[in-house]
Amino acid sequence: MLSGLLKNDTAIDVSIGIMNAFVEMRRFISAYGKTFERLTTVEYKLLEHDRKFDELFDLIKLPVLRISPG
């Protein structure tokens, strides 16, 4: 770590701050990880539905073959 290379109070404080930031990041991810997974799942489903709607609208735009009787 930085404090191992530089032996002063500022380097030690910066190293402690970096370690605290990673601890907070880990807590945040563990607290909200499932929420992010669910949002990702919803986003993928939404993209899939958009793709299917695009296919449907493309089919609707195709000209209809009219066969005359007889």
PDB file of N, CA and C in Angstrom:
ATOM      1  N   MET A   1       0.840  -1.186   0.000  1.00  0.00           N
ATOM      2  CA  MET A   1       0.000   0.000   0.000  1.00  0.00           C
ATOM      3  C   MET A   1       0.881   1.243   0.000  1.00  0.00           C
ATOM      4  N   LEU A   2       0.231   2.357  -0.192  1.00  0.00           N
ATOM      5  CA  LEU A   2       0.929   3.635  -0.261  1.00  0.00           C
ATOM      6  C   LEU A   2       1.679   3.936   1.024  1.00  0.00           C
ATOM      7  N   SER A   3       1.063   3.615   2.164  1.00  0.00           N
ATOM      8  CA  SER A   3       1.710   3.928   3.449  1.00  0.00           C
ATOM      9  C   SER A   3       2.973   3.101   3.653  1.00  0.00           C
ATOM     10  N   GLY A   4       3.102   1.957   2.987  1.00  0.00           N
ATOM     11  CA  GLY A   4       4.313   1.151   3.079  1.00  0.00           C
ATOM     12  C   GLY A   4       5.480   1.798   2.351  1.00  0.00           C
ATOM     13  N   LEU A   5       5.164   2.546   1.303  1.00  0.00           N
ATOM     14  CA  LEU A   5       6.217   3.214   0.534  1.00  0.00           C
ATOM     15  C   LEU A   5       6.566   4.583   1.124  1.00  0.00           C
ATOM     16  N   LEU A   6       5.535   5.303   1.492  1.00  0.00           N
ATOM     17  CA  LEU A   6       5.741   6.639   2.040  1.00  0.00           C
ATOM     18  C   LEU A   6       5.403   6.611   3.521  1.00  0.00           C
ATOM     19  N   LYS A   7       6.348   6.925   4.347  1.00  0.00           N
ATOM     20  CA  LYS A   7       6.146   6.842   5.794  1.00  0.00           C
ATOM     21  C   LYS A   7       5.748   8.201   6.358  1.00  0.00           C
ATOM     22  N   ASN A   8       4.561   8.655   5.989  1.00  0.00           N
ATOM     23  CA  ASN A   8       4.093   9.895   6.606  1.00  0.00           C
ATOM     24  C   ASN A   8       2.597   9.801   6.866  1.00  0.00           C
ATOM     25  N   ASP A   9       2.073  10.716   7.636  1.00  0.00           N
ATOM     26  CA  ASP A   9       0.668  10.673   8.063  1.00  0.00           C
ATOM     27  C   ASP A   9      -0.295  10.794   6.883  1.00  0.00           C
ATOM     28  N   THR A  10       0.051  11.595   5.894  1.00  0.00           N
ATOM     29  CA  THR A  10      -0.830  11.766   4.739  1.00  0.00           C
ATOM     30  C   THR A  10      -0.974  10.457   3.973  1.00  0.00           C
ATOM     31  N   ALA A  11       0.112   9.750   3.753  1.00  0.00           N
ATOM     32  CA  ALA A  11       0.053   8.476   3.035  1.00  0.00           C
ATOM     33  C   ALA A  11      -0.769   7.458   3.819  1.00  0.00           C
ATOM     34  N   ILE A  12      -0.606   7.446   5.128  1.00  0.00           N
ATOM     35  CA  ILE A  12      -1.379   6.516   5.964  1.00  0.00           C
ATOM     36  C   ILE A  12      -2.860   6.868   5.892  1.00  0.00           C
ATOM     37  N   ASP A  13      -3.193   8.156   5.982  1.00  0.00           N
ATOM     38  CA  ASP A  13      -4.597   8.581   5.906  1.00  0.00           C
ATOM     39  C   ASP A  13      -5.221   8.229   4.556  1.00  0.00           C
ATOM     40  N   VAL A  14      -4.460   8.412   3.485  1.00  0.00           N
ATOM     41  CA  VAL A  14      -4.965   8.078   2.149  1.00  0.00           C
ATOM     42  C   VAL A  14      -5.206   6.575   2.038  1.00  0.00           C
ATOM     43  N   SER A  15      -4.284   5.771   2.545  1.00  0.00           N
ATOM     44  CA  SER A  15      -4.456   4.309   2.502  1.00  0.00           C
ATOM     45  C   SER A  15      -5.683   3.876   3.279  1.00  0.00           C
ATOM     46  N   ILE A  16      -5.878   4.459   4.456  1.00  0.00           N
ATOM     47  CA  ILE A  16      -7.059   4.127   5.271  1.00  0.00           C
ATOM     48  C   ILE A  16      -8.324   4.553   4.536  1.00  0.00           C
ATOM     49  N   GLY A  17      -8.296   5.720   3.903  1.00  0.00           N
ATOM     50  CA  GLY A  17      -9.462   6.189   3.145  1.00  0.00           C
ATOM     51  C   GLY A  17      -9.803   5.265   1.988  1.00  0.00           C
ATOM     52  N   ILE A  18      -8.782   4.778   1.297  1.00  0.00           N
ATOM     53  CA  ILE A  18      -9.005   3.848   0.183  1.00  0.00           C
ATOM     54  C   ILE A  18      -9.606   2.538   0.700  1.00  0.00           C
ATOM     55  N   MET A  19      -9.080   2.026   1.777  1.00  0.00           N
ATOM     56  CA  MET A  19      -9.613   0.778   2.343  1.00  0.00           C
ATOM     57  C   MET A  19     -11.051   0.969   2.794  1.00  0.00           C
ATOM     58  N   ASN A  20     -11.356   2.097   3.429  1.00  0.00           N
ATOM     59  CA  ASN A  20     -12.731   2.378   3.855  1.00  0.00           C
ATOM     60  C   ASN A  20     -13.672   2.487   2.660  1.00  0.00           C
ATOM     61  N   ALA A  21     -13.201   3.076   1.573  1.00  0.00           N
ATOM     62  CA  ALA A  21     -14.032   3.189   0.376  1.00  0.00           C
ATOM     63  C   ALA A  21     -14.375   1.806  -0.174  1.00  0.00           C
ATOM     64  N   PHE A  22     -13.402   0.895  -0.201  1.00  0.00           N
ATOM     65  CA  PHE A  22     -13.679  -0.460  -0.687  1.00  0.00           C
ATOM     66  C   PHE A  22     -14.625  -1.212   0.239  1.00  0.00           C
ATOM     67  N   VAL A  23     -14.486  -1.004   1.536  1.00  0.00           N
ATOM     68  CA  VAL A  23     -15.409  -1.639   2.490  1.00  0.00           C
ATOM     69  C   VAL A  23     -16.828  -1.141   2.248  1.00  0.00           C
ATOM     70  N   GLU A  24     -16.990   0.172   2.055  1.00  0.00           N
ATOM     71  CA  GLU A  24     -18.318   0.731   1.790  1.00  0.00           C
ATOM     72  C   GLU A  24     -18.882   0.229   0.466  1.00  0.00           C
ATOM     73  N   MET A  25     -18.021   0.106  -0.550  1.00  0.00           N
ATOM     74  CA  MET A  25     -18.465  -0.435  -1.833  1.00  0.00           C
ATOM     75  C   MET A  25     -18.978  -1.861  -1.675  1.00  0.00           C
ATOM     76  N   ARG A  26     -18.258  -2.660  -0.924  1.00  0.00           N
ATOM     77  CA  ARG A  26     -18.667  -4.049  -0.706  1.00  0.00           C
ATOM     78  C   ARG A  26     -20.000  -4.105   0.031  1.00  0.00           C
ATOM     79  N   ARG A  27     -20.177  -3.241   1.030  1.00  0.00           N
ATOM     80  CA  ARG A  27     -21.463  -3.193   1.755  1.00  0.00           C
ATOM     81  C   ARG A  27     -22.604  -2.793   0.825  1.00  0.00           C
ATOM     82  N   PHE A  28     -22.353  -1.796   0.002  1.00  0.00           N
ATOM     83  CA  PHE A  28     -23.381  -1.315  -0.922  1.00  0.00           C
ATOM     84  C   PHE A  28     -23.785  -2.413  -1.898  1.00  0.00           C
ATOM     85  N   ILE A  29     -22.798  -3.088  -2.468  1.00  0.00           N
ATOM     86  CA  ILE A  29     -23.079  -4.148  -3.430  1.00  0.00           C
ATOM     87  C   ILE A  29     -23.824  -5.290  -2.762  1.00  0.00           C
ATOM     88  N   SER A  30     -23.431  -5.633  -1.543  1.00  0.00           N
ATOM     89  CA  SER A  30     -24.114  -6.738  -0.876  1.00  0.00           C
ATOM     90  C   SER A  30     -25.538  -6.340  -0.492  1.00  0.00           C
ATOM     91  N   ALA A  31     -25.771  -5.064  -0.178  1.00  0.00           N
ATOM     92  CA  ALA A  31     -27.109  -4.614   0.201  1.00  0.00           C
ATOM     93  C   ALA A  31     -28.029  -4.483  -1.011  1.00  0.00           C
ATOM     94  N   TYR A  32     -27.488  -4.029  -2.150  1.00  0.00           N
ATOM     95  CA  TYR A  32     -28.337  -3.730  -3.300  1.00  0.00           C
ATOM     96  C   TYR A  32     -28.060  -4.612  -4.510  1.00  0.00           C
ATOM     97  N   GLY A  33     -27.252  -5.628  -4.355  1.00  0.00           N
ATOM     98  CA  GLY A  33     -26.905  -6.504  -5.471  1.00  0.00           C
ATOM     99  C   GLY A  33     -28.114  -7.169  -6.101  1.00  0.00           C
ATOM    100  N   LYS A  34     -29.011  -7.690  -5.272  1.00  0.00           N
ATOM    101  CA  LYS A  34     -30.213  -8.364  -5.796  1.00  0.00           C
ATOM    102  C   LYS A  34     -31.089  -7.388  -6.569  1.00  0.00           C
ATOM    103  N   THR A  35     -31.177  -6.155  -6.090  1.00  0.00           N
ATOM    104  CA  THR A  35     -31.980  -5.145  -6.792  1.00  0.00           C
ATOM    105  C   THR A  35     -31.407  -4.885  -8.177  1.00  0.00           C
ATOM    106  N   PHE A  36     -30.086  -4.777  -8.269  1.00  0.00           N
ATOM    107  CA  PHE A  36     -29.458  -4.555  -9.571  1.00  0.00           C
ATOM    108  C   PHE A  36     -29.669  -5.752 -10.494  1.00  0.00           C
ATOM    109  N   GLU A  37     -29.633  -6.958  -9.943  1.00  0.00           N
ATOM    110  CA  GLU A  37     -29.887  -8.155 -10.752  1.00  0.00           C
ATOM    111  C   GLU A  37     -31.302  -8.127 -11.305  1.00  0.00           C
ATOM    112  N   ARG A  38     -32.267  -7.755 -10.465  1.00  0.00           N
ATOM    113  CA  ARG A  38     -33.663  -7.711 -10.920  1.00  0.00           C
ATOM    114  C   ARG A  38     -33.855  -6.636 -11.983  1.00  0.00           C
ATOM    115  N   LEU A  39     -33.232  -5.487 -11.792  1.00  0.00           N
ATOM    116  CA  LEU A  39     -33.335  -4.432 -12.803  1.00  0.00           C
ATOM    117  C   LEU A  39     -32.730  -4.874 -14.129  1.00  0.00           C
ATOM    118  N   THR A  40     -31.634  -5.588 -14.066  1.00  0.00           N
ATOM    119  CA  THR A  40     -31.005  -6.095 -15.288  1.00  0.00           C
ATOM    120  C   THR A  40     -31.931  -7.077 -15.982  1.00  0.00           C
ATOM    121  N   THR A  41     -32.565  -7.954 -15.212  1.00  0.00           N
ATOM    122  CA  THR A  41     -33.508  -8.917 -15.786  1.00  0.00           C
ATOM    123  C   THR A  41     -34.677  -8.200 -16.458  1.00  0.00           C
ATOM    124  N   VAL A  42     -35.221  -7.196 -15.799  1.00  0.00           N
ATOM    125  CA  VAL A  42     -36.336  -6.437 -16.371  1.00  0.00           C
ATOM    126  C   VAL A  42     -35.887  -5.728 -17.646  1.00  0.00           C
ATOM    127  N   GLU A  43     -34.691  -5.184 -17.626  1.00  0.00           N
ATOM    128  CA  GLU A  43     -34.175  -4.497 -18.812  1.00  0.00           C
ATOM    129  C   GLU A  43     -34.040  -5.461 -19.994  1.00  0.00           C
ATOM    130  N   TYR A  44     -33.518  -6.663 -19.757  1.00  0.00           N
ATOM    131  CA  TYR A  44     -33.392  -7.644 -20.832  1.00  0.00           C
ATOM    132  C   TYR A  44     -34.758  -8.056 -21.370  1.00  0.00           C
ATOM    133  N   LYS A  45     -35.730  -8.231 -20.485  1.00  0.00           N
ATOM    134  CA  LYS A  45     -37.080  -8.585 -20.939  1.00  0.00           C
ATOM    135  C   LYS A  45     -37.687  -7.459 -21.765  1.00  0.00           C
ATOM    136  N   LEU A  46     -37.455  -6.229 -21.338  1.00  0.00           N
ATOM    137  CA  LEU A  46     -37.966  -5.082 -22.082  1.00  0.00           C
ATOM    138  C   LEU A  46     -37.344  -5.016 -23.473  1.00  0.00           C
ATOM    139  N   LEU A  47     -36.046  -5.251 -23.562  1.00  0.00           N
ATOM    140  CA  LEU A  47     -35.391  -5.256 -24.870  1.00  0.00           C
ATOM    141  C   LEU A  47     -35.942  -6.364 -25.759  1.00  0.00           C
ATOM    142  N   GLU A  48     -36.201  -7.527 -25.178  1.00  0.00           N
ATOM    143  CA  GLU A  48     -36.768  -8.637 -25.944  1.00  0.00           C
ATOM    144  C   GLU A  48     -38.178  -8.291 -26.434  1.00  0.00           C
ATOM    145  N   HIS A  49     -38.978  -7.668 -25.570  1.00  0.00           N
ATOM    146  CA  HIS A  49     -40.329  -7.269 -25.981  1.00  0.00           C
ATOM    147  C   HIS A  49     -40.261  -6.220 -27.094  1.00  0.00           C
ATOM    148  N   ASP A  50     -39.330  -5.276 -26.978  1.00  0.00           N
ATOM    149  CA  ASP A  50     -39.168  -4.275 -28.036  1.00  0.00           C
ATOM    150  C   ASP A  50     -38.838  -4.944 -29.370  1.00  0.00           C
ATOM    151  N   ARG A  51     -37.953  -5.940 -29.321  1.00  0.00           N
ATOM    152  CA  ARG A  51     -37.578  -6.650 -30.541  1.00  0.00           C
ATOM    153  C   ARG A  51     -38.791  -7.355 -31.143  1.00  0.00           C
ATOM    154  N   LYS A  52     -39.596  -7.981 -30.299  1.00  0.00           N
ATOM    155  CA  LYS A  52     -40.777  -8.689 -30.795  1.00  0.00           C
ATOM    156  C   LYS A  52     -41.803  -7.715 -31.364  1.00  0.00           C
ATOM    157  N   PHE A  53     -41.975  -6.552 -30.719  1.00  0.00           N
ATOM    158  CA  PHE A  53     -42.893  -5.549 -31.262  1.00  0.00           C
ATOM    159  C   PHE A  53     -42.394  -5.044 -32.615  1.00  0.00           C
ATOM    160  N   ASP A  54     -41.085  -4.843 -32.749  1.00  0.00           N
ATOM    161  CA  ASP A  54     -40.536  -4.419 -34.039  1.00  0.00           C
ATOM    162  C   ASP A  54     -40.831  -5.452 -35.120  1.00  0.00           C
ATOM    163  N   GLU A  55     -40.680  -6.722 -34.792  1.00  0.00           N
ATOM    164  CA  GLU A  55     -40.994  -7.790 -35.757  1.00  0.00           C
ATOM    165  C   GLU A  55     -42.467  -7.751 -36.137  1.00  0.00           C
ATOM    166  N   LEU A  56     -43.316  -7.578 -35.154  1.00  0.00           N
ATOM    167  CA  LEU A  56     -44.759  -7.535 -35.403  1.00  0.00           C
ATOM    168  C   LEU A  56     -45.122  -6.349 -36.286  1.00  0.00           C
ATOM    169  N   PHE A  57     -44.577  -5.181 -35.984  1.00  0.00           N
ATOM    170  CA  PHE A  57     -44.875  -4.000 -36.785  1.00  0.00           C
ATOM    171  C   PHE A  57     -44.343  -4.147 -38.210  1.00  0.00           C
ATOM    172  N   ASP A  58     -43.195  -4.799 -38.364  1.00  0.00           N
ATOM    173  CA  ASP A  58     -42.676  -5.057 -39.709  1.00  0.00           C
ATOM    174  C   ASP A  58     -43.623  -5.967 -40.485  1.00  0.00           C
ATOM    175  N   LEU A  59     -44.172  -6.968 -39.812  1.00  0.00           N
ATOM    176  CA  LEU A  59     -45.127  -7.864 -40.480  1.00  0.00           C
ATOM    177  C   LEU A  59     -46.408  -7.132 -40.848  1.00  0.00           C
ATOM    178  N   ILE A  60     -46.853  -6.235 -40.015  1.00  0.00           N
ATOM    179  CA  ILE A  60     -48.078  -5.480 -40.300  1.00  0.00           C
ATOM    180  C   ILE A  60     -47.882  -4.599 -41.532  1.00  0.00           C
ATOM    181  N   LYS A  61     -46.679  -4.090 -41.725  1.00  0.00           N
ATOM    182  CA  LYS A  61     -46.392  -3.207 -42.864  1.00  0.00           C
ATOM    183  C   LYS A  61     -46.297  -3.951 -44.189  1.00  0.00           C
ATOM    184  N   LEU A  62     -46.143  -5.274 -44.175  1.00  0.00           N
ATOM    185  CA  LEU A  62     -46.031  -6.037 -45.414  1.00  0.00           C
ATOM    186  C   LEU A  62     -47.326  -5.947 -46.210  1.00  0.00           C
ATOM    187  N   PRO A  63     -47.211  -5.847 -47.531  1.00  0.00           N
ATOM    188  CA  PRO A  63     -48.439  -5.790 -48.344  1.00  0.00           C
ATOM    189  C   PRO A  63     -49.192  -7.121 -48.268  1.00  0.00           C
ATOM    190  N   VAL A  64     -50.493  -7.014 -48.313  1.00  0.00           N
ATOM    191  CA  VAL A  64     -51.355  -8.199 -48.251  1.00  0.00           C
ATOM    192  C   VAL A  64     -51.609  -8.691 -49.659  1.00  0.00           C
ATOM    193  N   LEU A  65     -51.429  -9.982 -49.905  1.00  0.00           N
ATOM    194  CA  LEU A  65     -51.732 -10.576 -51.197  1.00  0.00           C
ATOM    195  C   LEU A  65     -53.246 -10.752 -51.313  1.00  0.00           C
ATOM    196  N   ARG A  66     -53.795 -10.196 -52.340  1.00  0.00           N
ATOM    197  CA  ARG A  66     -55.237 -10.346 -52.537  1.00  0.00           C
ATOM    198  C   ARG A  66     -55.467 -11.334 -53.678  1.00  0.00           C
ATOM    199  N   ILE A  67     -56.204 -12.351 -53.391  1.00  0.00           N
ATOM    200  CA  ILE A  67     -56.514 -13.367 -54.399  1.00  0.00           C
ATOM    201  C   ILE A  67     -57.958 -13.159 -54.810  1.00  0.00           C
ATOM    202  N   SER A  68     -58.134 -12.903 -56.109  1.00  0.00           N
ATOM    203  CA  SER A  68     -59.494 -12.675 -56.576  1.00  0.00           C
ATOM    204  C   SER A  68     -60.214 -14.016 -56.728  1.00  0.00           C
ATOM    205  N   PRO A  69     -61.483 -14.023 -56.406  1.00  0.00           N
ATOM    206  CA  PRO A  69     -62.247 -15.273 -56.516  1.00  0.00           C
ATOM    207  C   PRO A  69     -62.415 -15.685 -57.972  1.00  0.00           C
ATOM    208  N   GLY A  70     -62.393 -16.962 -58.162  1.00  0.00           N
ATOM    209  CA  GLY A  70     -62.762 -17.477 -59.446  1.00  0.00           C
ATOM    210  C   GLY A  70     -61.745 -17.964 -60.313  1.00  0.00           C
TER     211      GLY A  70
END
